[in-house]
């Protein structure tokens, strides 16, 4: 069979299972743009994210023969990329510290204002990537991926209170950076 960029997912999957490099290339190209955003949330820069994505894509290729099309291929692939990212995060030793905070501790959300309205997706991604590793990962898991602190604690091997603290720190840092950006725009106007 001849593989093309417009080949169906089913044809590309079949080709990948048979080891056809062109099918692998087209599957990679079709989904890389959509799935690269996942590791970008858990790494500091694009090169690290790309390395993590490539590692995940190798897992995808190795697991394609067992893929059961019960749902969208992209969703199945996204789950593998996400799990690869979480495995990477777990492997970092900086997450083992436990910090205990009262259960009544609350976290103020990021307020919506003119500065946040003017931020585009790339700016937001850069701001999130600038956070310290643990804060960035907890923020991404909680705010973007919708996990609870209990689940985040289990995934990262940290206490639930530690997860809450890192989220609070991430939000404070982001608020400060957004305020600085707003101030900078005002001064430069």
N, C-alpha and C. Protein backbone atom coordinates (compact mmCIF):
# COMPACT_ATOMS: atom_id res chain seq x y z
N UNK A 1 0.84 -1.18 0.00
CA UNK A 1 0.00 0.00 0.00
C UNK A 1 0.89 1.24 0.00
N UNK A 2 0.42 2.29 -0.64
CA UNK A 2 1.12 3.56 -0.67
C UNK A 2 0.51 4.47 0.38
N UNK A 3 1.36 5.08 1.20
CA UNK A 3 0.88 5.95 2.27
C UNK A 3 1.09 7.40 1.87
N UNK A 4 0.10 8.21 2.19
CA UNK A 4 0.13 9.64 1.87
C UNK A 4 -0.31 10.42 3.10
N UNK A 5 -0.06 11.73 3.11
CA UNK A 5 -0.51 12.54 4.26
C UNK A 5 -2.01 12.47 4.50
N UNK A 6 -2.80 12.19 3.45
CA UNK A 6 -4.25 12.13 3.64
C UNK A 6 -4.78 10.71 3.81
N UNK A 7 -3.88 9.74 4.03
CA UNK A 7 -4.32 8.37 4.32
C UNK A 7 -5.13 8.38 5.61
N UNK A 8 -6.06 7.44 5.73
CA UNK A 8 -6.88 7.37 6.93
C UNK A 8 -6.05 6.93 8.13
N UNK A 9 -6.53 7.25 9.31
CA UNK A 9 -5.85 6.79 10.53
C UNK A 9 -5.73 5.26 10.52
N UNK A 10 -6.80 4.60 10.08
CA UNK A 10 -6.79 3.13 10.07
C UNK A 10 -5.68 2.60 9.16
N UNK A 11 -5.53 3.21 7.98
CA UNK A 11 -4.47 2.77 7.07
C UNK A 11 -3.08 3.04 7.66
N UNK A 12 -2.92 4.21 8.28
CA UNK A 12 -1.63 4.54 8.87
C UNK A 12 -1.30 3.61 10.04
N UNK A 13 -2.31 3.29 10.85
CA UNK A 13 -2.10 2.36 11.97
C UNK A 13 -1.68 1.00 11.43
N UNK A 14 -2.37 0.52 10.41
CA UNK A 14 -2.03 -0.78 9.82
C UNK A 14 -0.59 -0.74 9.28
N UNK A 15 -0.25 0.35 8.61
CA UNK A 15 1.10 0.48 8.07
C UNK A 15 2.15 0.53 9.17
N UNK A 16 1.85 1.24 10.25
CA UNK A 16 2.78 1.32 11.39
C UNK A 16 2.98 -0.06 12.01
N UNK A 17 1.91 -0.81 12.13
CA UNK A 17 2.00 -2.15 12.71
C UNK A 17 2.86 -3.07 11.86
N UNK A 18 2.90 -2.79 10.56
CA UNK A 18 3.73 -3.58 9.64
C UNK A 18 5.14 -3.01 9.52
N UNK A 19 5.41 -1.90 10.22
CA UNK A 19 6.74 -1.33 10.23
C UNK A 19 7.06 -0.40 9.06
N UNK A 20 6.06 0.08 8.35
CA UNK A 20 6.30 0.99 7.23
C UNK A 20 6.67 2.37 7.75
N UNK A 21 7.86 2.82 7.41
CA UNK A 21 8.37 4.10 7.90
C UNK A 21 7.54 5.28 7.42
N UNK A 22 7.04 5.24 6.21
CA UNK A 22 6.25 6.35 5.69
C UNK A 22 4.94 6.49 6.46
N UNK A 23 4.32 5.38 6.81
CA UNK A 23 3.09 5.42 7.61
C UNK A 23 3.40 6.02 8.99
N UNK A 24 4.53 5.62 9.57
CA UNK A 24 4.93 6.17 10.87
C UNK A 24 5.16 7.67 10.77
N UNK A 25 5.81 8.09 9.72
CA UNK A 25 6.08 9.52 9.53
C UNK A 25 4.78 10.31 9.42
N UNK A 26 3.84 9.84 8.61
CA UNK A 26 2.58 10.58 8.43
C UNK A 26 1.73 10.58 9.70
N UNK A 27 1.77 9.49 10.45
CA UNK A 27 1.03 9.46 11.71
C UNK A 27 1.64 10.47 12.69
N UNK A 28 2.96 10.50 12.74
CA UNK A 28 3.68 11.45 13.60
C UNK A 28 3.31 12.88 13.20
N UNK A 29 3.41 13.19 11.94
CA UNK A 29 3.14 14.54 11.46
C UNK A 29 1.68 14.95 11.71
N UNK A 30 0.77 14.01 11.59
CA UNK A 30 -0.64 14.31 11.78
C UNK A 30 -0.95 14.69 13.23
N UNK A 31 -0.30 14.02 14.19
CA UNK A 31 -0.66 14.22 15.59
C UNK A 31 0.35 15.02 16.41
N UNK A 32 1.53 15.26 15.90
CA UNK A 32 2.57 15.95 16.69
C UNK A 32 2.10 17.33 17.13
N UNK A 33 1.52 18.09 16.25
CA UNK A 33 1.06 19.44 16.60
C UNK A 33 0.01 19.44 17.69
N UNK A 34 -0.87 18.45 17.66
CA UNK A 34 -1.95 18.37 18.65
C UNK A 34 -1.44 17.86 20.00
N UNK A 35 -0.50 16.94 19.97
CA UNK A 35 -0.08 16.28 21.21
C UNK A 35 1.13 16.90 21.87
N UNK A 36 1.89 17.72 21.15
CA UNK A 36 3.09 18.33 21.72
C UNK A 36 2.75 19.28 22.87
N UNK A 37 1.55 19.80 22.88
CA UNK A 37 1.13 20.69 23.96
C UNK A 37 1.15 20.01 25.32
N UNK A 38 0.97 18.71 25.35
CA UNK A 38 0.96 17.99 26.64
C UNK A 38 2.34 18.05 27.29
N UNK A 39 3.41 17.61 26.62
CA UNK A 39 4.72 17.72 27.28
C UNK A 39 5.20 19.15 27.47
N UNK A 40 4.71 20.08 26.67
CA UNK A 40 5.09 21.48 26.87
C UNK A 40 4.64 21.98 28.24
N UNK A 41 3.55 21.42 28.76
CA UNK A 41 3.07 21.83 30.09
C UNK A 41 3.92 21.28 31.22
N UNK A 42 4.69 20.24 30.95
CA UNK A 42 5.44 19.58 32.02
C UNK A 42 6.95 19.71 31.88
N UNK A 43 7.40 20.49 30.93
CA UNK A 43 8.84 20.70 30.75
C UNK A 43 9.14 22.19 30.70
N UNK A 44 10.41 22.50 30.77
CA UNK A 44 10.82 23.89 30.83
C UNK A 44 10.96 24.52 29.44
N UNK A 45 11.28 23.74 28.42
CA UNK A 45 11.44 24.33 27.09
C UNK A 45 10.99 23.36 26.00
N UNK A 46 10.95 23.88 24.79
CA UNK A 46 10.44 23.12 23.65
C UNK A 46 11.31 21.90 23.33
N UNK A 47 12.62 22.01 23.46
CA UNK A 47 13.49 20.88 23.17
C UNK A 47 13.22 19.71 24.11
N UNK A 48 13.06 20.00 25.41
CA UNK A 48 12.73 18.95 26.37
C UNK A 48 11.37 18.35 26.07
N UNK A 49 10.42 19.20 25.71
CA UNK A 49 9.07 18.72 25.38
C UNK A 49 9.12 17.82 24.16
N UNK A 50 9.89 18.21 23.17
CA UNK A 50 10.00 17.40 21.95
C UNK A 50 10.65 16.05 22.25
N UNK A 51 11.66 16.05 23.09
CA UNK A 51 12.31 14.78 23.47
C UNK A 51 11.32 13.88 24.20
N UNK A 52 10.54 14.46 25.09
CA UNK A 52 9.53 13.69 25.82
C UNK A 52 8.44 13.19 24.88
N UNK A 53 8.03 14.03 23.95
CA UNK A 53 7.02 13.62 22.97
C UNK A 53 7.55 12.47 22.10
N UNK A 54 8.81 12.57 21.67
CA UNK A 54 9.38 11.49 20.86
C UNK A 54 9.45 10.18 21.62
N UNK A 55 9.76 10.27 22.90
CA UNK A 55 9.76 9.07 23.74
C UNK A 55 8.35 8.48 23.80
N UNK A 56 7.37 9.34 23.96
CA UNK A 56 5.98 8.88 24.00
C UNK A 56 5.56 8.29 22.66
N UNK A 57 5.99 8.91 21.56
CA UNK A 57 5.60 8.41 20.25
C UNK A 57 6.19 7.03 20.00
N UNK A 58 7.39 6.79 20.49
CA UNK A 58 7.97 5.44 20.38
C UNK A 58 7.09 4.43 21.12
N UNK A 59 6.60 4.81 22.30
CA UNK A 59 5.69 3.94 23.04
C UNK A 59 4.41 3.71 22.24
N UNK A 60 3.92 4.77 21.60
CA UNK A 60 2.71 4.64 20.78
C UNK A 60 2.94 3.62 19.67
N UNK A 61 4.06 3.76 18.95
CA UNK A 61 4.35 2.82 17.87
C UNK A 61 4.48 1.39 18.38
N UNK A 62 5.12 1.23 19.53
CA UNK A 62 5.28 -0.12 20.10
C UNK A 62 3.96 -0.72 20.56
N UNK A 63 3.01 0.13 20.95
CA UNK A 63 1.73 -0.37 21.45
C UNK A 63 0.61 -0.38 20.42
N UNK A 64 0.87 0.12 19.22
CA UNK A 64 -0.18 0.15 18.19
C UNK A 64 -0.74 -1.23 17.84
N UNK A 65 0.08 -2.30 17.82
CA UNK A 65 -0.52 -3.60 17.50
C UNK A 65 -1.63 -4.01 18.49
N UNK A 66 -1.58 -3.52 19.71
CA UNK A 66 -2.61 -3.84 20.71
C UNK A 66 -3.73 -2.83 20.79
N UNK A 67 -3.67 -1.78 19.96
CA UNK A 67 -4.69 -0.73 19.99
C UNK A 67 -6.04 -1.28 19.55
N UNK A 68 -7.05 -1.05 20.39
CA UNK A 68 -8.42 -1.44 20.08
C UNK A 68 -9.21 -0.17 19.78
N UNK A 69 -9.68 0.02 18.56
CA UNK A 69 -10.36 1.27 18.19
C UNK A 69 -11.74 1.43 18.83
N UNK A 70 -11.77 1.51 20.16
CA UNK A 70 -13.03 1.73 20.86
C UNK A 70 -13.33 3.22 21.02
N UNK A 71 -12.32 4.04 20.80
CA UNK A 71 -12.45 5.49 20.87
C UNK A 71 -11.54 6.11 19.84
N UNK A 72 -11.46 7.42 19.85
CA UNK A 72 -10.60 8.09 18.87
C UNK A 72 -9.13 7.77 19.08
N UNK A 73 -8.42 7.59 17.99
CA UNK A 73 -6.99 7.30 18.04
C UNK A 73 -6.24 8.42 18.76
N UNK A 74 -6.61 9.66 18.48
CA UNK A 74 -5.94 10.80 19.11
C UNK A 74 -6.07 10.78 20.62
N UNK A 75 -7.21 10.37 21.14
CA UNK A 75 -7.40 10.27 22.58
C UNK A 75 -6.52 9.19 23.20
N UNK A 76 -6.43 8.07 22.52
CA UNK A 76 -5.57 6.98 22.99
C UNK A 76 -4.11 7.42 23.00
N UNK A 77 -3.70 8.11 21.94
CA UNK A 77 -2.33 8.59 21.85
C UNK A 77 -2.07 9.65 22.93
N UNK A 78 -3.04 10.54 23.16
CA UNK A 78 -2.87 11.59 24.18
C UNK A 78 -2.67 10.97 25.55
N UNK A 79 -3.36 9.89 25.85
CA UNK A 79 -3.22 9.23 27.15
C UNK A 79 -1.80 8.68 27.30
N UNK A 80 -1.24 8.12 26.25
CA UNK A 80 0.14 7.61 26.31
C UNK A 80 1.12 8.76 26.51
N UNK A 81 0.92 9.87 25.80
CA UNK A 81 1.80 11.03 25.96
C UNK A 81 1.70 11.55 27.38
N UNK A 82 0.48 11.68 27.90
CA UNK A 82 0.28 12.18 29.26
C UNK A 82 0.96 11.26 30.27
N UNK A 83 0.76 9.96 30.14
CA UNK A 83 1.38 9.01 31.08
C UNK A 83 2.90 9.05 31.00
N UNK A 84 3.44 9.25 29.81
CA UNK A 84 4.89 9.39 29.66
C UNK A 84 5.38 10.64 30.40
N UNK A 85 4.63 11.72 30.29
CA UNK A 85 4.99 12.96 30.99
C UNK A 85 4.95 12.76 32.50
N UNK A 86 3.91 12.10 32.99
CA UNK A 86 3.80 11.86 34.44
C UNK A 86 4.92 10.94 34.91
N UNK A 87 5.27 9.94 34.13
CA UNK A 87 6.41 9.08 34.50
C UNK A 87 7.69 9.90 34.59
N UNK A 88 7.86 10.83 33.67
CA UNK A 88 9.03 11.71 33.69
C UNK A 88 9.02 12.58 34.96
N UNK A 89 7.87 13.14 35.27
CA UNK A 89 7.74 13.98 36.46
C UNK A 89 8.05 13.18 37.72
N UNK A 90 7.53 11.96 37.79
CA UNK A 90 7.78 11.10 38.95
C UNK A 90 9.26 10.78 39.12
N UNK A 91 9.96 10.71 38.01
CA UNK A 91 11.37 10.33 38.09
C UNK A 91 12.24 11.45 38.68
N UNK A 92 11.70 12.64 38.77
CA UNK A 92 12.43 13.77 39.33
C UNK A 92 12.40 13.65 40.86
N UNK A 93 13.54 13.69 41.48
CA UNK A 93 13.64 13.49 42.93
C UNK A 93 13.18 14.69 43.74
N UNK A 94 12.99 15.84 43.12
CA UNK A 94 12.64 17.06 43.86
C UNK A 94 11.21 17.03 44.40
N UNK A 95 10.44 15.99 44.08
CA UNK A 95 9.05 15.94 44.49
C UNK A 95 8.83 15.19 45.80
N UNK A 96 9.87 14.74 46.44
CA UNK A 96 9.71 13.89 47.62
C UNK A 96 9.51 14.65 48.92
N UNK A 97 9.68 15.96 48.92
CA UNK A 97 9.51 16.75 50.12
C UNK A 97 8.03 16.81 50.51
N UNK A 98 7.76 16.71 51.80
CA UNK A 98 6.39 16.81 52.29
C UNK A 98 6.25 18.07 53.12
N UNK A 99 5.23 18.83 52.80
CA UNK A 99 4.93 20.05 53.53
C UNK A 99 3.49 19.93 54.01
N UNK A 100 3.25 20.13 55.31
CA UNK A 100 1.90 20.01 55.86
C UNK A 100 1.31 21.38 56.09
N UNK A 101 0.08 21.54 55.62
CA UNK A 101 -0.64 22.79 55.79
C UNK A 101 -2.03 22.47 56.30
N UNK A 102 -2.65 23.40 56.99
CA UNK A 102 -4.00 23.15 57.47
C UNK A 102 -4.96 22.91 56.32
N UNK A 103 -5.95 22.06 56.55
CA UNK A 103 -6.93 21.74 55.53
C UNK A 103 -7.76 22.95 55.13
N UNK A 104 -7.84 23.97 55.98
CA UNK A 104 -8.68 25.12 55.69
C UNK A 104 -7.97 26.14 54.81
N UNK A 105 -6.73 25.86 54.43
CA UNK A 105 -5.98 26.81 53.61
C UNK A 105 -6.71 27.01 52.29
N UNK A 106 -6.88 28.25 51.88
CA UNK A 106 -7.54 28.55 50.62
C UNK A 106 -6.55 29.22 49.68
N UNK A 107 -6.84 29.14 48.43
CA UNK A 107 -6.00 29.73 47.40
C UNK A 107 -6.85 30.68 46.59
N UNK A 108 -6.38 31.92 46.46
CA UNK A 108 -7.10 32.86 45.63
C UNK A 108 -6.80 32.57 44.17
N UNK A 109 -7.82 32.66 43.33
CA UNK A 109 -7.63 32.42 41.91
C UNK A 109 -7.00 33.62 41.22
N UNK A 110 -6.56 33.40 40.02
CA UNK A 110 -5.99 34.47 39.21
C UNK A 110 -7.14 35.34 38.74
N UNK A 111 -7.05 36.63 38.99
CA UNK A 111 -8.14 37.51 38.59
C UNK A 111 -8.06 37.79 37.10
N UNK A 112 -9.20 37.98 36.53
CA UNK A 112 -9.28 38.29 35.11
C UNK A 112 -9.21 39.80 34.95
N UNK A 113 -8.31 40.26 34.09
CA UNK A 113 -8.19 41.68 33.84
C UNK A 113 -7.71 41.90 32.42
N UNK A 114 -7.46 43.15 32.09
CA UNK A 114 -7.05 43.48 30.73
C UNK A 114 -5.76 42.77 30.33
N UNK A 115 -4.82 42.64 31.27
CA UNK A 115 -3.54 41.99 30.95
C UNK A 115 -3.75 40.53 30.60
N UNK A 116 -4.57 39.82 31.38
CA UNK A 116 -4.79 38.40 31.08
C UNK A 116 -5.60 38.23 29.81
N UNK A 117 -6.49 39.18 29.51
CA UNK A 117 -7.26 39.10 28.28
C UNK A 117 -6.37 39.23 27.05
N UNK A 118 -5.26 39.95 27.18
CA UNK A 118 -4.37 40.19 26.05
C UNK A 118 -3.33 39.09 25.87
N UNK A 119 -3.24 38.17 26.79
CA UNK A 119 -2.27 37.09 26.67
C UNK A 119 -2.75 36.07 25.64
N UNK A 120 -1.85 35.65 24.78
CA UNK A 120 -2.20 34.61 23.84
C UNK A 120 -1.71 33.27 24.40
N UNK A 121 -2.06 32.19 23.73
CA UNK A 121 -1.72 30.85 24.22
C UNK A 121 -0.21 30.68 24.38
N UNK A 122 0.56 31.22 23.46
CA UNK A 122 2.01 31.07 23.53
C UNK A 122 2.57 31.80 24.75
N UNK A 123 2.05 32.98 25.04
CA UNK A 123 2.50 33.74 26.22
C UNK A 123 2.15 33.00 27.49
N UNK A 124 0.96 32.46 27.54
CA UNK A 124 0.54 31.71 28.73
C UNK A 124 1.43 30.49 28.91
N UNK A 125 1.72 29.78 27.82
CA UNK A 125 2.59 28.61 27.90
C UNK A 125 3.97 29.00 28.41
N UNK A 126 4.51 30.11 27.91
CA UNK A 126 5.83 30.57 28.38
C UNK A 126 5.79 30.91 29.87
N UNK A 127 4.71 31.55 30.32
CA UNK A 127 4.59 31.88 31.74
C UNK A 127 4.56 30.61 32.58
N UNK A 128 3.79 29.64 32.15
CA UNK A 128 3.70 28.38 32.89
C UNK A 128 5.05 27.67 32.88
N UNK A 129 5.73 27.68 31.75
CA UNK A 129 7.04 27.02 31.66
C UNK A 129 8.08 27.70 32.54
N UNK A 130 7.88 28.96 32.86
CA UNK A 130 8.86 29.68 33.68
C UNK A 130 8.73 29.34 35.17
N UNK A 131 7.66 28.64 35.54
CA UNK A 131 7.48 28.26 36.94
C UNK A 131 8.51 27.21 37.36
N UNK A 132 8.84 27.16 38.64
CA UNK A 132 9.70 26.06 39.12
C UNK A 132 9.04 24.71 38.79
N UNK A 133 9.84 23.69 38.60
CA UNK A 133 9.35 22.41 38.11
C UNK A 133 8.14 21.88 38.87
N UNK A 134 8.22 21.76 40.17
CA UNK A 134 7.12 21.18 40.93
C UNK A 134 5.87 22.04 40.83
N UNK A 135 6.03 23.33 40.96
CA UNK A 135 4.88 24.24 40.86
C UNK A 135 4.24 24.14 39.48
N UNK A 136 5.06 24.10 38.44
CA UNK A 136 4.55 24.00 37.07
C UNK A 136 3.75 22.72 36.88
N UNK A 137 4.27 21.62 37.38
CA UNK A 137 3.59 20.35 37.18
C UNK A 137 2.29 20.26 37.97
N UNK A 138 2.31 20.72 39.21
CA UNK A 138 1.08 20.72 40.01
C UNK A 138 0.05 21.66 39.37
N UNK A 139 0.48 22.84 38.95
CA UNK A 139 -0.43 23.79 38.31
C UNK A 139 -1.06 23.16 37.07
N UNK A 140 -0.25 22.55 36.22
CA UNK A 140 -0.77 21.94 34.99
C UNK A 140 -1.74 20.81 35.29
N UNK A 141 -1.39 19.96 36.23
CA UNK A 141 -2.27 18.84 36.57
C UNK A 141 -3.60 19.33 37.15
N UNK A 142 -3.54 20.36 38.00
CA UNK A 142 -4.75 20.84 38.66
C UNK A 142 -5.59 21.73 37.75
N UNK A 143 -4.97 22.76 37.20
CA UNK A 143 -5.72 23.77 36.45
C UNK A 143 -6.04 23.31 35.03
N UNK A 144 -5.08 22.73 34.35
CA UNK A 144 -5.28 22.39 32.94
C UNK A 144 -5.90 21.00 32.77
N UNK A 145 -5.37 20.02 33.50
CA UNK A 145 -5.84 18.65 33.33
C UNK A 145 -6.99 18.28 34.26
N UNK A 146 -7.26 19.11 35.27
CA UNK A 146 -8.43 18.91 36.11
C UNK A 146 -8.31 17.85 37.20
N UNK A 147 -7.11 17.49 37.59
CA UNK A 147 -6.95 16.51 38.66
C UNK A 147 -7.13 17.16 40.02
N UNK A 148 -7.55 16.36 41.01
CA UNK A 148 -7.67 16.82 42.38
C UNK A 148 -6.32 16.68 43.08
N UNK A 149 -6.17 17.41 44.18
CA UNK A 149 -4.88 17.38 44.90
C UNK A 149 -4.55 15.97 45.39
N UNK A 150 -5.54 15.23 45.78
CA UNK A 150 -5.30 13.85 46.23
C UNK A 150 -4.67 13.04 45.09
N UNK A 151 -5.25 13.16 43.89
CA UNK A 151 -4.73 12.43 42.73
C UNK A 151 -3.33 12.92 42.34
N UNK A 152 -3.13 14.22 42.40
CA UNK A 152 -1.83 14.79 42.07
C UNK A 152 -0.77 14.28 43.05
N UNK A 153 -1.14 14.26 44.33
CA UNK A 153 -0.22 13.75 45.34
C UNK A 153 0.19 12.31 45.05
N UNK A 154 -0.79 11.48 44.67
CA UNK A 154 -0.49 10.08 44.35
C UNK A 154 0.38 9.97 43.11
N UNK A 155 0.08 10.79 42.08
CA UNK A 155 0.86 10.73 40.84
C UNK A 155 2.30 11.16 41.05
N UNK A 156 2.49 12.22 41.83
CA UNK A 156 3.83 12.78 42.00
C UNK A 156 4.56 12.26 43.24
N UNK A 157 3.86 11.47 44.06
CA UNK A 157 4.48 10.95 45.28
C UNK A 157 4.70 12.02 46.33
N UNK A 158 3.75 12.97 46.42
CA UNK A 158 3.84 14.05 47.42
C UNK A 158 2.56 14.06 48.24
N UNK A 159 2.60 14.74 49.35
CA UNK A 159 1.45 14.88 50.22
C UNK A 159 0.42 15.80 49.55
N UNK A 160 -0.85 15.59 49.85
CA UNK A 160 -1.92 16.43 49.30
C UNK A 160 -1.73 17.90 49.68
N UNK A 161 -1.30 18.16 50.91
CA UNK A 161 -1.04 19.52 51.35
C UNK A 161 0.12 20.15 50.59
N UNK A 162 1.11 19.35 50.25
CA UNK A 162 2.23 19.85 49.46
C UNK A 162 1.75 20.26 48.07
N UNK A 163 0.85 19.48 47.52
CA UNK A 163 0.28 19.82 46.22
C UNK A 163 -0.46 21.15 46.29
N UNK A 164 -1.24 21.35 47.34
CA UNK A 164 -1.97 22.62 47.51
C UNK A 164 -0.99 23.79 47.63
N UNK A 165 0.08 23.59 48.39
CA UNK A 165 1.06 24.66 48.56
C UNK A 165 1.71 25.03 47.23
N UNK A 166 2.10 24.01 46.44
CA UNK A 166 2.73 24.29 45.15
C UNK A 166 1.76 25.00 44.20
N UNK A 167 0.49 24.65 44.26
CA UNK A 167 -0.50 25.36 43.43
C UNK A 167 -0.59 26.82 43.86
N UNK A 168 -0.63 27.06 45.16
CA UNK A 168 -0.69 28.43 45.65
C UNK A 168 0.54 29.22 45.21
N UNK A 169 1.71 28.60 45.31
CA UNK A 169 2.95 29.27 44.88
C UNK A 169 2.92 29.56 43.39
N UNK A 170 2.44 28.61 42.61
CA UNK A 170 2.36 28.81 41.16
C UNK A 170 1.44 29.97 40.83
N UNK A 171 0.30 30.01 41.47
CA UNK A 171 -0.65 31.10 41.21
C UNK A 171 -0.09 32.45 41.61
N UNK A 172 0.57 32.51 42.77
CA UNK A 172 1.18 33.78 43.19
C UNK A 172 2.24 34.23 42.20
N UNK A 173 3.07 33.30 41.76
CA UNK A 173 4.12 33.63 40.81
C UNK A 173 3.52 34.11 39.49
N UNK A 174 2.50 33.41 39.01
CA UNK A 174 1.86 33.82 37.75
C UNK A 174 1.19 35.18 37.89
N UNK A 175 0.52 35.42 39.01
CA UNK A 175 -0.10 36.72 39.24
C UNK A 175 0.94 37.83 39.20
N UNK A 176 2.08 37.59 39.84
CA UNK A 176 3.15 38.58 39.88
C UNK A 176 3.67 38.84 38.47
N UNK A 177 3.89 37.79 37.69
CA UNK A 177 4.43 37.95 36.34
C UNK A 177 3.42 38.66 35.43
N UNK A 178 2.15 38.35 35.60
CA UNK A 178 1.11 39.02 34.80
C UNK A 178 1.04 40.49 35.17
N UNK A 179 1.14 40.77 36.47
CA UNK A 179 1.13 42.16 36.93
C UNK A 179 2.34 42.92 36.36
N UNK A 180 3.50 42.28 36.36
CA UNK A 180 4.70 42.90 35.81
C UNK A 180 4.54 43.17 34.31
N UNK A 181 3.92 42.22 33.61
CA UNK A 181 3.68 42.42 32.18
C UNK A 181 2.73 43.59 31.96
N UNK A 182 1.69 43.66 32.78
CA UNK A 182 0.72 44.74 32.67
C UNK A 182 1.39 46.09 32.95
N UNK A 183 2.22 46.14 33.98
CA UNK A 183 2.94 47.36 34.33
C UNK A 183 3.88 47.76 33.19
N UNK A 184 4.57 46.78 32.62
CA UNK A 184 5.50 47.04 31.53
C UNK A 184 4.77 47.60 30.32
N UNK A 185 3.60 47.06 30.01
CA UNK A 185 2.81 47.56 28.88
C UNK A 185 2.34 48.99 29.13
N UNK A 186 1.96 49.27 30.37
CA UNK A 186 1.50 50.61 30.72
C UNK A 186 2.62 51.62 30.59
N UNK A 187 3.80 51.26 31.07
CA UNK A 187 4.95 52.16 31.02
C UNK A 187 5.39 52.39 29.57
N UNK A 188 5.34 51.33 28.75
CA UNK A 188 5.78 51.43 27.35
C UNK A 188 4.73 52.05 26.44
N UNK A 189 3.54 52.29 26.94
CA UNK A 189 2.47 52.86 26.09
C UNK A 189 2.59 54.35 25.97
